[in-house]
PDB file of N, CA and C in Angstrom:
ATOM      1  N   MET A   1       3.878   5.913  24.315  1.00  0.00           N
ATOM      2  CA  MET A   1       3.658   7.310  24.076  1.00  0.00           C
ATOM      3  C   MET A   1       4.109   7.716  22.668  1.00  0.00           C
ATOM      4  N   THR A   2       5.270   7.251  22.234  1.00  0.00           N
ATOM      5  CA  THR A   2       5.734   7.581  20.884  1.00  0.00           C
ATOM      6  C   THR A   2       5.543   6.404  19.936  1.00  0.00           C
ATOM      7  N   GLY A   3       4.713   5.468  20.322  1.00  0.00           N
ATOM      8  CA  GLY A   3       4.443   4.323  19.453  1.00  0.00           C
ATOM      9  C   GLY A   3       3.923   4.754  18.100  1.00  0.00           C
ATOM     10  N   TRP A   4       3.152   5.826  18.049  1.00  0.00           N
ATOM     11  CA  TRP A   4       2.610   6.315  16.781  1.00  0.00           C
ATOM     12  C   TRP A   4       3.724   6.726  15.830  1.00  0.00           C
ATOM     13  N   LEU A   5       4.853   7.227  16.375  1.00  0.00           N
ATOM     14  CA  LEU A   5       5.966   7.645  15.526  1.00  0.00           C
ATOM     15  C   LEU A   5       6.570   6.443  14.802  1.00  0.00           C
ATOM     16  N   PHE A   6       6.776   5.354  15.536  1.00  0.00           N
ATOM     17  CA  PHE A   6       7.332   4.155  14.922  1.00  0.00           C
ATOM     18  C   PHE A   6       6.334   3.514  13.958  1.00  0.00           C
ATOM     19  N   GLU A   7       5.059   3.616  14.282  1.00  0.00           N
ATOM     20  CA  GLU A   7       4.021   3.129  13.374  1.00  0.00           C
ATOM     21  C   GLU A   7       4.048   3.934  12.078  1.00  0.00           C
ATOM     22  N   ALA A   8       4.184   5.242  12.187  1.00  0.00           N
ATOM     23  CA  ALA A   8       4.249   6.104  11.002  1.00  0.00           C
ATOM     24  C   ALA A   8       5.483   5.792  10.170  1.00  0.00           C
ATOM     25  N   LEU A   9       6.627   5.598  10.829  1.00  0.00           N
ATOM     26  CA  LEU A   9       7.851   5.265  10.105  1.00  0.00           C
ATOM     27  C   LEU A   9       7.732   3.921   9.387  1.00  0.00           C
ATOM     28  N   MET A  10       7.086   2.947  10.035  1.00  0.00           N
ATOM     29  CA  MET A  10       6.859   1.649   9.405  1.00  0.00           C
ATOM     30  C   MET A  10       5.996   1.809   8.163  1.00  0.00           C
ATOM     31  N   LEU A  11       4.916   2.579   8.272  1.00  0.00           N
ATOM     32  CA  LEU A  11       4.016   2.782   7.140  1.00  0.00           C
ATOM     33  C   LEU A  11       4.715   3.527   6.008  1.00  0.00           C
ATOM     34  N   LEU A  12       5.561   4.492   6.341  1.00  0.00           N
ATOM     35  CA  LEU A  12       6.326   5.200   5.314  1.00  0.00           C
ATOM     36  C   LEU A  12       7.308   4.257   4.621  1.00  0.00           C
ATOM     37  N   ALA A  13       7.970   3.409   5.397  1.00  0.00           N
ATOM     38  CA  ALA A  13       8.923   2.463   4.813  1.00  0.00           C
ATOM     39  C   ALA A  13       8.216   1.488   3.878  1.00  0.00           C
ATOM     40  N   PHE A  14       7.098   0.929   4.320  1.00  0.00           N
ATOM     41  CA  PHE A  14       6.354   0.003   3.468  1.00  0.00           C
ATOM     42  C   PHE A  14       5.806   0.725   2.243  1.00  0.00           C
ATOM     43  N   GLY A  15       5.354   1.949   2.444  1.00  0.00           N
ATOM     44  CA  GLY A  15       4.760   2.709   1.350  1.00  0.00           C
ATOM     45  C   GLY A  15       5.745   3.116   0.274  1.00  0.00           C
ATOM     46  N   CYS A  16       7.022   3.145   0.590  1.00  0.00           N
ATOM     47  CA  CYS A  16       8.033   3.546  -0.400  1.00  0.00           C
ATOM     48  C   CYS A  16       8.217   2.512  -1.505  1.00  0.00           C
ATOM     49  N   SER A  17       7.941   1.258  -1.232  1.00  0.00           N
ATOM     50  CA  SER A  17       8.166   0.215  -2.242  1.00  0.00           C
ATOM     51  C   SER A  17       7.068   0.168  -3.305  1.00  0.00           C
ATOM     52  N   TRP A  18       5.867   0.546  -2.958  1.00  0.00           N
ATOM     53  CA  TRP A  18       4.756   0.391  -3.897  1.00  0.00           C
ATOM     54  C   TRP A  18       4.829   1.317  -5.098  1.00  0.00           C
ATOM     55  N   PRO A  19       5.228   2.577  -4.965  1.00  0.00           N
ATOM     56  CA  PRO A  19       5.333   3.412  -6.169  1.00  0.00           C
ATOM     57  C   PRO A  19       6.312   2.846  -7.198  1.00  0.00           C
ATOM     58  N   ALA A  20       7.417   2.239  -6.736  1.00  0.00           N
ATOM     59  CA  ALA A  20       8.371   1.630  -7.665  1.00  0.00           C
ATOM     60  C   ALA A  20       7.740   0.445  -8.387  1.00  0.00           C
ATOM     61  N   SER A  21       6.985  -0.351  -7.671  1.00  0.00           N
ATOM     62  CA  SER A  21       6.306  -1.493  -8.280  1.00  0.00           C
ATOM     63  C   SER A  21       5.251  -1.038  -9.285  1.00  0.00           C
ATOM     64  N   ILE A  22       4.518   0.002  -8.938  1.00  0.00           N
ATOM     65  CA  ILE A  22       3.498   0.547  -9.841  1.00  0.00           C
ATOM     66  C   ILE A  22       4.158   1.112 -11.089  1.00  0.00           C
ATOM     67  N   ALA A  23       5.238   1.848 -10.922  1.00  0.00           N
ATOM     68  CA  ALA A  23       5.937   2.440 -12.072  1.00  0.00           C
ATOM     69  C   ALA A  23       6.457   1.355 -13.009  1.00  0.00           C
ATOM     70  N   LYS A  24       7.005   0.280 -12.453  1.00  0.00           N
ATOM     71  CA  LYS A  24       7.514  -0.802 -13.287  1.00  0.00           C
ATOM     72  C   LYS A  24       6.375  -1.469 -14.064  1.00  0.00           C
ATOM     73  N   SER A  25       5.248  -1.688 -13.403  1.00  0.00           N
ATOM     74  CA  SER A  25       4.099  -2.295 -14.091  1.00  0.00           C
ATOM     75  C   SER A  25       3.604  -1.401 -15.224  1.00  0.00           C
ATOM     76  N   LEU A  26       3.557  -0.106 -14.976  1.00  0.00           N
ATOM     77  CA  LEU A  26       3.099   0.818 -16.011  1.00  0.00           C
ATOM     78  C   LEU A  26       4.098   0.902 -17.169  1.00  0.00           C
ATOM     79  N   ARG A  27       5.373   0.870 -16.853  1.00  0.00           N
ATOM     80  CA  ARG A  27       6.406   0.995 -17.882  1.00  0.00           C
ATOM     81  C   ARG A  27       6.492  -0.258 -18.761  1.00  0.00           C
ATOM     82  N   THR A  28       6.432  -1.452 -18.137  1.00  0.00           N
ATOM     83  CA  THR A  28       6.630  -2.696 -18.884  1.00  0.00           C
ATOM     84  C   THR A  28       5.322  -3.374 -19.296  1.00  0.00           C
ATOM     85  N   ARG A  29       4.232  -3.005 -18.633  1.00  0.00           N
ATOM     86  CA  ARG A  29       2.942  -3.656 -18.846  1.00  0.00           C
ATOM     87  C   ARG A  29       3.047  -5.178 -18.657  1.00  0.00           C
ATOM     88  N   PHE A  30       3.870  -5.578 -17.691  1.00  0.00           N
ATOM     89  CA  PHE A  30       4.155  -6.991 -17.410  1.00  0.00           C
ATOM     90  C   PHE A  30       4.150  -7.195 -15.900  1.00  0.00           C
ATOM     91  N   VAL A  31       3.366  -8.144 -15.431  1.00  0.00           N
ATOM     92  CA  VAL A  31       3.221  -8.328 -13.982  1.00  0.00           C
ATOM     93  C   VAL A  31       3.487  -9.755 -13.531  1.00  0.00           C
ATOM     94  N   ARG A  32       4.014 -10.574 -14.424  1.00  0.00           N
ATOM     95  CA  ARG A  32       4.285 -11.951 -14.039  1.00  0.00           C
ATOM     96  C   ARG A  32       5.251 -11.966 -12.864  1.00  0.00           C
ATOM     97  N   GLY A  33       4.986 -12.815 -11.892  1.00  0.00           N
ATOM     98  CA  GLY A  33       5.811 -12.883 -10.690  1.00  0.00           C
ATOM     99  C   GLY A  33       5.190 -12.161  -9.504  1.00  0.00           C
ATOM    100  N   LYS A  34       4.219 -11.310  -9.769  1.00  0.00           N
ATOM    101  CA  LYS A  34       3.525 -10.643  -8.664  1.00  0.00           C
ATOM    102  C   LYS A  34       2.429 -11.565  -8.144  1.00  0.00           C
ATOM    103  N   SER A  35       2.144 -11.463  -6.879  1.00  0.00           N
ATOM    104  CA  SER A  35       1.149 -12.327  -6.253  1.00  0.00           C
ATOM    105  C   SER A  35      -0.080 -11.519  -5.847  1.00  0.00           C
ATOM    106  N   PRO A  36      -1.205 -11.747  -6.539  1.00  0.00           N
ATOM    107  CA  PRO A  36      -2.417 -11.035  -6.128  1.00  0.00           C
ATOM    108  C   PRO A  36      -2.874 -11.442  -4.725  1.00  0.00           C
ATOM    109  N   ALA A  37      -2.642 -12.696  -4.354  1.00  0.00           N
ATOM    110  CA  ALA A  37      -3.034 -13.137  -3.011  1.00  0.00           C
ATOM    111  C   ALA A  37      -2.257 -12.348  -1.955  1.00  0.00           C
ATOM    112  N   PHE A  38      -0.961 -12.158  -2.174  1.00  0.00           N
ATOM    113  CA  PHE A  38      -0.149 -11.378  -1.247  1.00  0.00           C
ATOM    114  C   PHE A  38      -0.668  -9.950  -1.152  1.00  0.00           C
ATOM    115  N   MET A  39      -0.973  -9.339  -2.297  1.00  0.00           N
ATOM    116  CA  MET A  39      -1.452  -7.955  -2.280  1.00  0.00           C
ATOM    117  C   MET A  39      -2.790  -7.846  -1.560  1.00  0.00           C
ATOM    118  N   ILE A  40      -3.651  -8.841  -1.711  1.00  0.00           N
ATOM    119  CA  ILE A  40      -4.943  -8.833  -1.015  1.00  0.00           C
ATOM    120  C   ILE A  40      -4.731  -8.952   0.497  1.00  0.00           C
ATOM    121  N   ILE A  41      -3.772  -9.774   0.905  1.00  0.00           N
ATOM    122  CA  ILE A  41      -3.463  -9.899   2.338  1.00  0.00           C
ATOM    123  C   ILE A  41      -2.940  -8.568   2.883  1.00  0.00           C
ATOM    124  N   VAL A  42      -2.065  -7.904   2.127  1.00  0.00           N
ATOM    125  CA  VAL A  42      -1.528  -6.613   2.559  1.00  0.00           C
ATOM    126  C   VAL A  42      -2.641  -5.572   2.647  1.00  0.00           C
ATOM    127  N   ILE A  43      -3.535  -5.549   1.653  1.00  0.00           N
ATOM    128  CA  ILE A  43      -4.677  -4.629   1.675  1.00  0.00           C
ATOM    129  C   ILE A  43      -5.538  -4.890   2.910  1.00  0.00           C
ATOM    130  N   SER A  44      -5.754  -6.163   3.223  1.00  0.00           N
ATOM    131  CA  SER A  44      -6.546  -6.515   4.409  1.00  0.00           C
ATOM    132  C   SER A  44      -5.875  -6.002   5.682  1.00  0.00           C
ATOM    133  N   GLY A  45      -4.563  -6.112   5.742  1.00  0.00           N
ATOM    134  CA  GLY A  45      -3.829  -5.609   6.908  1.00  0.00           C
ATOM    135  C   GLY A  45      -3.974  -4.106   7.060  1.00  0.00           C
ATOM    136  N   TYR A  46      -3.838  -3.386   5.945  1.00  0.00           N
ATOM    137  CA  TYR A  46      -4.008  -1.935   6.010  1.00  0.00           C
ATOM    138  C   TYR A  46      -5.447  -1.572   6.384  1.00  0.00           C
ATOM    139  N   ALA A  47      -6.415  -2.306   5.879  1.00  0.00           N
ATOM    140  CA  ALA A  47      -7.823  -2.054   6.226  1.00  0.00           C
ATOM    141  C   ALA A  47      -8.041  -2.254   7.728  1.00  0.00           C
ATOM    142  N   CYS A  48      -7.427  -3.289   8.277  1.00  0.00           N
ATOM    143  CA  CYS A  48      -7.536  -3.512   9.727  1.00  0.00           C
ATOM    144  C   CYS A  48      -6.891  -2.371  10.509  1.00  0.00           C
ATOM    145  N   GLY A  49      -5.766  -1.862  10.020  1.00  0.00           N
ATOM    146  CA  GLY A  49      -5.120  -0.717  10.664  1.00  0.00           C
ATOM    147  C   GLY A  49      -6.014   0.508  10.638  1.00  0.00           C
ATOM    148  N   ILE A  50      -6.704   0.721   9.523  1.00  0.00           N
ATOM    149  CA  ILE A  50      -7.625   1.857   9.400  1.00  0.00           C
ATOM    150  C   ILE A  50      -8.772   1.723  10.393  1.00  0.00           C
ATOM    151  N   VAL A  51      -9.346   0.522  10.468  1.00  0.00           N
ATOM    152  CA  VAL A  51     -10.452   0.296  11.409  1.00  0.00           C
ATOM    153  C   VAL A  51      -9.969   0.526  12.832  1.00  0.00           C
ATOM    154  N   HIS A  52      -8.781   0.029  13.160  1.00  0.00           N
ATOM    155  CA  HIS A  52      -8.232   0.234  14.507  1.00  0.00           C
ATOM    156  C   HIS A  52      -8.098   1.723  14.820  1.00  0.00           C
ATOM    157  N   LYS A  53      -7.576   2.500  13.861  1.00  0.00           N
ATOM    158  CA  LYS A  53      -7.410   3.937  14.088  1.00  0.00           C
ATOM    159  C   LYS A  53      -8.755   4.651  14.232  1.00  0.00           C
ATOM    160  N   LEU A  54      -9.752   4.198  13.501  1.00  0.00           N
ATOM    161  CA  LEU A  54     -11.076   4.813  13.611  1.00  0.00           C
ATOM    162  C   LEU A  54     -11.746   4.477  14.938  1.00  0.00           C
ATOM    163  N   LEU A  55     -11.532   3.256  15.426  1.00  0.00           N
ATOM    164  CA  LEU A  55     -12.138   2.843  16.697  1.00  0.00           C
ATOM    165  C   LEU A  55     -11.366   3.365  17.911  1.00  0.00           C
ATOM    166  N   ASN A  56     -10.089   3.698  17.728  1.00  0.00           N
ATOM    167  CA  ASN A  56      -9.239   4.170  18.816  1.00  0.00           C
ATOM    168  C   ASN A  56      -8.515   5.448  18.398  1.00  0.00           C
ATOM    169  N   PRO A  57      -9.260   6.544  18.268  1.00  0.00           N
ATOM    170  CA  PRO A  57      -8.609   7.789  17.822  1.00  0.00           C
ATOM    171  C   PRO A  57      -7.661   8.317  18.892  1.00  0.00           C
ATOM    172  N   PRO A  58      -6.702   9.165  18.481  1.00  0.00           N
ATOM    173  CA  PRO A  58      -5.793   9.761  19.475  1.00  0.00           C
ATOM    174  C   PRO A  58      -6.579  10.564  20.504  1.00  0.00           C
ATOM    175  N   THR A  59      -6.098  10.553  21.738  1.00  0.00           N
ATOM    176  CA  THR A  59      -6.812  11.260  22.809  1.00  0.00           C
ATOM    177  C   THR A  59      -6.617  12.769  22.719  1.00  0.00           C
ATOM    178  N   GLU A  60      -5.479  13.194  22.196  1.00  0.00           N
ATOM    179  CA  GLU A  60      -5.223  14.633  22.039  1.00  0.00           C
ATOM    180  C   GLU A  60      -4.899  14.918  20.577  1.00  0.00           C
ATOM    181  N   PRO A  61      -5.363  16.048  20.066  1.00  0.00           N
ATOM    182  CA  PRO A  61      -5.026  16.363  18.679  1.00  0.00           C
ATOM    183  C   PRO A  61      -3.521  16.570  18.526  1.00  0.00           C
ATOM    184  N   GLY A  62      -3.004  16.084  17.437  1.00  0.00           N
ATOM    185  CA  GLY A  62      -1.574  16.218  17.176  1.00  0.00           C
ATOM    186  C   GLY A  62      -1.212  15.470  15.915  1.00  0.00           C
ATOM    187  N   ILE A  63       0.063  15.344  15.711  1.00  0.00           N
ATOM    188  CA  ILE A  63       0.532  14.724  14.479  1.00  0.00           C
ATOM    189  C   ILE A  63       0.166  13.237  14.397  1.00  0.00           C
ATOM    190  N   GLU A  64      -0.035  12.594  15.536  1.00  0.00           N
ATOM    191  CA  GLU A  64      -0.364  11.163  15.508  1.00  0.00           C
ATOM    192  C   GLU A  64      -1.695  10.868  14.820  1.00  0.00           C
ATOM    193  N   GLN A  65      -2.562  11.859  14.700  1.00  0.00           N
ATOM    194  CA  GLN A  65      -3.837  11.630  14.013  1.00  0.00           C
ATOM    195  C   GLN A  65      -3.628  11.418  12.513  1.00  0.00           C
ATOM    196  N   TYR A  66      -2.467  11.803  11.996  1.00  0.00           N
ATOM    197  CA  TYR A  66      -2.206  11.654  10.567  1.00  0.00           C
ATOM    198  C   TYR A  66      -1.724  10.256  10.189  1.00  0.00           C
ATOM    199  N   VAL A  67      -1.464   9.406  11.179  1.00  0.00           N
ATOM    200  CA  VAL A  67      -1.072   8.033  10.896  1.00  0.00           C
ATOM    201  C   VAL A  67      -2.185   7.326  10.112  1.00  0.00           C
ATOM    202  N   LEU A  68      -3.427   7.652  10.409  1.00  0.00           N
ATOM    203  CA  LEU A  68      -4.560   7.085   9.669  1.00  0.00           C
ATOM    204  C   LEU A  68      -4.394   7.317   8.178  1.00  0.00           C
ATOM    205  N   TRP A  69      -3.947   8.508   7.797  1.00  0.00           N
ATOM    206  CA  TRP A  69      -3.820   8.829   6.370  1.00  0.00           C
ATOM    207  C   TRP A  69      -2.679   8.070   5.718  1.00  0.00           C
ATOM    208  N   LEU A  70      -1.679   7.694   6.497  1.00  0.00           N
ATOM    209  CA  LEU A  70      -0.617   6.837   5.950  1.00  0.00           C
ATOM    210  C   LEU A  70      -1.165   5.456   5.625  1.00  0.00           C
ATOM    211  N   TYR A  71      -2.045   4.939   6.493  1.00  0.00           N
ATOM    212  CA  TYR A  71      -2.701   3.669   6.203  1.00  0.00           C
ATOM    213  C   TYR A  71      -3.512   3.775   4.913  1.00  0.00           C
ATOM    214  N   VAL A  72      -4.267   4.858   4.776  1.00  0.00           N
ATOM    215  CA  VAL A  72      -5.104   5.051   3.585  1.00  0.00           C
ATOM    216  C   VAL A  72      -4.228   5.158   2.338  1.00  0.00           C
ATOM    217  N   MET A  73      -3.142   5.925   2.418  1.00  0.00           N
ATOM    218  CA  MET A  73      -2.248   6.078   1.273  1.00  0.00           C
ATOM    219  C   MET A  73      -1.651   4.728   0.862  1.00  0.00           C
ATOM    220  N   ASP A  74      -1.167   3.957   1.839  1.00  0.00           N
ATOM    221  CA  ASP A  74      -0.588   2.652   1.525  1.00  0.00           C
ATOM    222  C   ASP A  74      -1.630   1.713   0.937  1.00  0.00           C
ATOM    223  N   LEU A  75      -2.837   1.736   1.489  1.00  0.00           N
ATOM    224  CA  LEU A  75      -3.908   0.890   0.956  1.00  0.00           C
ATOM    225  C   LEU A  75      -4.207   1.258  -0.498  1.00  0.00           C
ATOM    226  N   LEU A  76      -4.245   2.540  -0.812  1.00  0.00           N
ATOM    227  CA  LEU A  76      -4.506   2.974  -2.185  1.00  0.00           C
ATOM    228  C   LEU A  76      -3.377   2.572  -3.128  1.00  0.00           C
ATOM    229  N   LEU A  77      -2.144   2.646  -2.666  1.00  0.00           N
ATOM    230  CA  LEU A  77      -1.011   2.244  -3.496  1.00  0.00           C
ATOM    231  C   LEU A  77      -1.059   0.752  -3.821  1.00  0.00           C
ATOM    232  N   VAL A  78      -1.311  -0.078  -2.816  1.00  0.00           N
ATOM    233  CA  VAL A  78      -1.378  -1.520  -3.049  1.00  0.00           C
ATOM    234  C   VAL A  78      -2.580  -1.853  -3.922  1.00  0.00           C
ATOM    235  N   SER A  79      -3.694  -1.167  -3.718  1.00  0.00           N
ATOM    236  CA  SER A  79      -4.880  -1.388  -4.552  1.00  0.00           C
ATOM    237  C   SER A  79      -4.599  -1.026  -6.006  1.00  0.00           C
ATOM    238  N   THR A  80      -3.830   0.032  -6.226  1.00  0.00           N
ATOM    239  CA  THR A  80      -3.446   0.414  -7.583  1.00  0.00           C
ATOM    240  C   THR A  80      -2.589  -0.675  -8.216  1.00  0.00           C
ATOM    241  N   ASP A  81      -1.628  -1.194  -7.466  1.00  0.00           N
ATOM    242  CA  ASP A  81      -0.774  -2.260  -7.987  1.00  0.00           C
ATOM    243  C   ASP A  81      -1.598  -3.509  -8.289  1.00  0.00           C
ATOM    244  N   LEU A  82      -2.558  -3.826  -7.445  1.00  0.00           N
ATOM    245  CA  LEU A  82      -3.429  -4.982  -7.687  1.00  0.00           C
ATOM    246  C   LEU A  82      -4.271  -4.770  -8.937  1.00  0.00           C
ATOM    247  N   THR A  83      -4.779  -3.571  -9.131  1.00  0.00           N
ATOM    248  CA  THR A  83      -5.555  -3.255 -10.333  1.00  0.00           C
ATOM    249  C   THR A  83      -4.700  -3.432 -11.581  1.00  0.00           C
ATOM    250  N   LEU A  84      -3.459  -2.956 -11.526  1.00  0.00           N
ATOM    251  CA  LEU A  84      -2.554  -3.117 -12.664  1.00  0.00           C
ATOM    252  C   LEU A  84      -2.263  -4.590 -12.927  1.00  0.00           C
ATOM    253  N   TYR A  85      -2.179  -5.383 -11.864  1.00  0.00           N
ATOM    254  CA  TYR A  85      -1.984  -6.822 -12.040  1.00  0.00           C
ATOM    255  C   TYR A  85      -3.107  -7.403 -12.902  1.00  0.00           C
ATOM    256  N   PHE A  86      -4.339  -7.074 -12.561  1.00  0.00           N
ATOM    257  CA  PHE A  86      -5.461  -7.633 -13.312  1.00  0.00           C
ATOM    258  C   PHE A  86      -5.553  -7.064 -14.730  1.00  0.00           C
ATOM    259  N   LEU A  87      -5.100  -5.843 -14.938  1.00  0.00           N
ATOM    260  CA  LEU A  87      -5.099  -5.266 -16.282  1.00  0.00           C
ATOM    261  C   LEU A  87      -4.054  -5.911 -17.196  1.00  0.00           C
ATOM    262  N   PHE A  88      -2.890  -6.225 -16.639  1.00  0.00           N
ATOM    263  CA  PHE A  88      -1.769  -6.677 -17.456  1.00  0.00           C
ATOM    264  C   PHE A  88      -1.431  -8.153 -17.302  1.00  0.00           C
ATOM    265  N   ARG A  89      -2.215  -8.929 -16.574  1.00  0.00           N
ATOM    266  CA  ARG A  89      -1.844 -10.312 -16.270  1.00  0.00           C
ATOM    267  C   ARG A  89      -1.750 -11.209 -17.491  1.00  0.00           C
ATOM    268  N   LYS A  90      -2.427 -10.876 -18.586  1.00  0.00           N
ATOM    269  CA  LYS A  90      -2.407 -11.744 -19.774  1.00  0.00           C
ATOM    270  C   LYS A  90      -1.294 -11.391 -20.756  1.00  0.00           C
ATOM    271  N   ASN A  91      -0.539 -10.327 -20.465  1.00  0.00           N
ATOM    272  CA  ASN A  91       0.576  -9.970 -21.338  1.00  0.00           C
ATOM    273  C   ASN A  91       1.671 -11.024 -21.227  1.00  0.00           C
ATOM    274  N   ASP A  92       2.176 -11.478 -22.373  1.00  0.00           N
ATOM    275  CA  ASP A  92       3.155 -12.569 -22.402  1.00  0.00           C
ATOM    276  C   ASP A  92       4.593 -12.117 -22.159  1.00  0.00           C
ATOM    277  N   ALA A  93       4.925 -10.917 -22.543  1.00  0.00           N
ATOM    278  CA  ALA A  93       6.310 -10.472 -22.402  1.00  0.00           C
ATOM    279  C   ALA A  93       6.321  -9.001 -22.004  1.00  0.00           C
ATOM    280  N   PRO A  94       7.390  -8.611 -21.303  1.00  0.00           N
ATOM    281  CA  PRO A  94       7.481  -7.199 -20.932  1.00  0.00           C
ATOM    282  C   PRO A  94       7.666  -6.313 -22.152  1.00  0.00           C
ATOM    283  N   ARG A  95       7.087  -5.149 -22.083  1.00  0.00           N
ATOM    284  CA  ARG A  95       7.259  -4.160 -23.142  1.00  0.00           C
ATOM    285  C   ARG A  95       8.559  -3.415 -22.850  1.00  0.00           C
ATOM    286  N   VAL A  96       9.387  -3.283 -23.850  1.00  0.00           N
ATOM    287  CA  VAL A  96      10.655  -2.581 -23.680  1.00  0.00           C
ATOM    288  C   VAL A  96      10.397  -1.093 -23.805  1.00  0.00           C
ATOM    289  N   ALA A  97      10.808  -0.367 -22.778  1.00  0.00           N
ATOM    290  CA  ALA A  97      10.548   1.083 -22.794  1.00  0.00           C
ATOM    291  C   ALA A  97      11.755   1.857 -23.225  1.00  0.00           C
TER     292      ALA A  97
END
């Protein structure tokens, strides 16, 4: 019954790390050590969560319907970090800010 609450908390916890990673990539323009394969796997997981939510919507309107948007937000954050990886992957050294 309250499974959606724990799902939302999990998505919020995971989503908190990506803005820091994005900010560091933007600040240093250096992404060595990041794994594009890992980010693609995470994006795939969020995409599967989105499909699950679309195929199994909440039975009653309420706050649990917003869990879908947490999946979308996390997917966009990881996609942004992956995009930055491909933009900055050839940089040899971090830029000092």
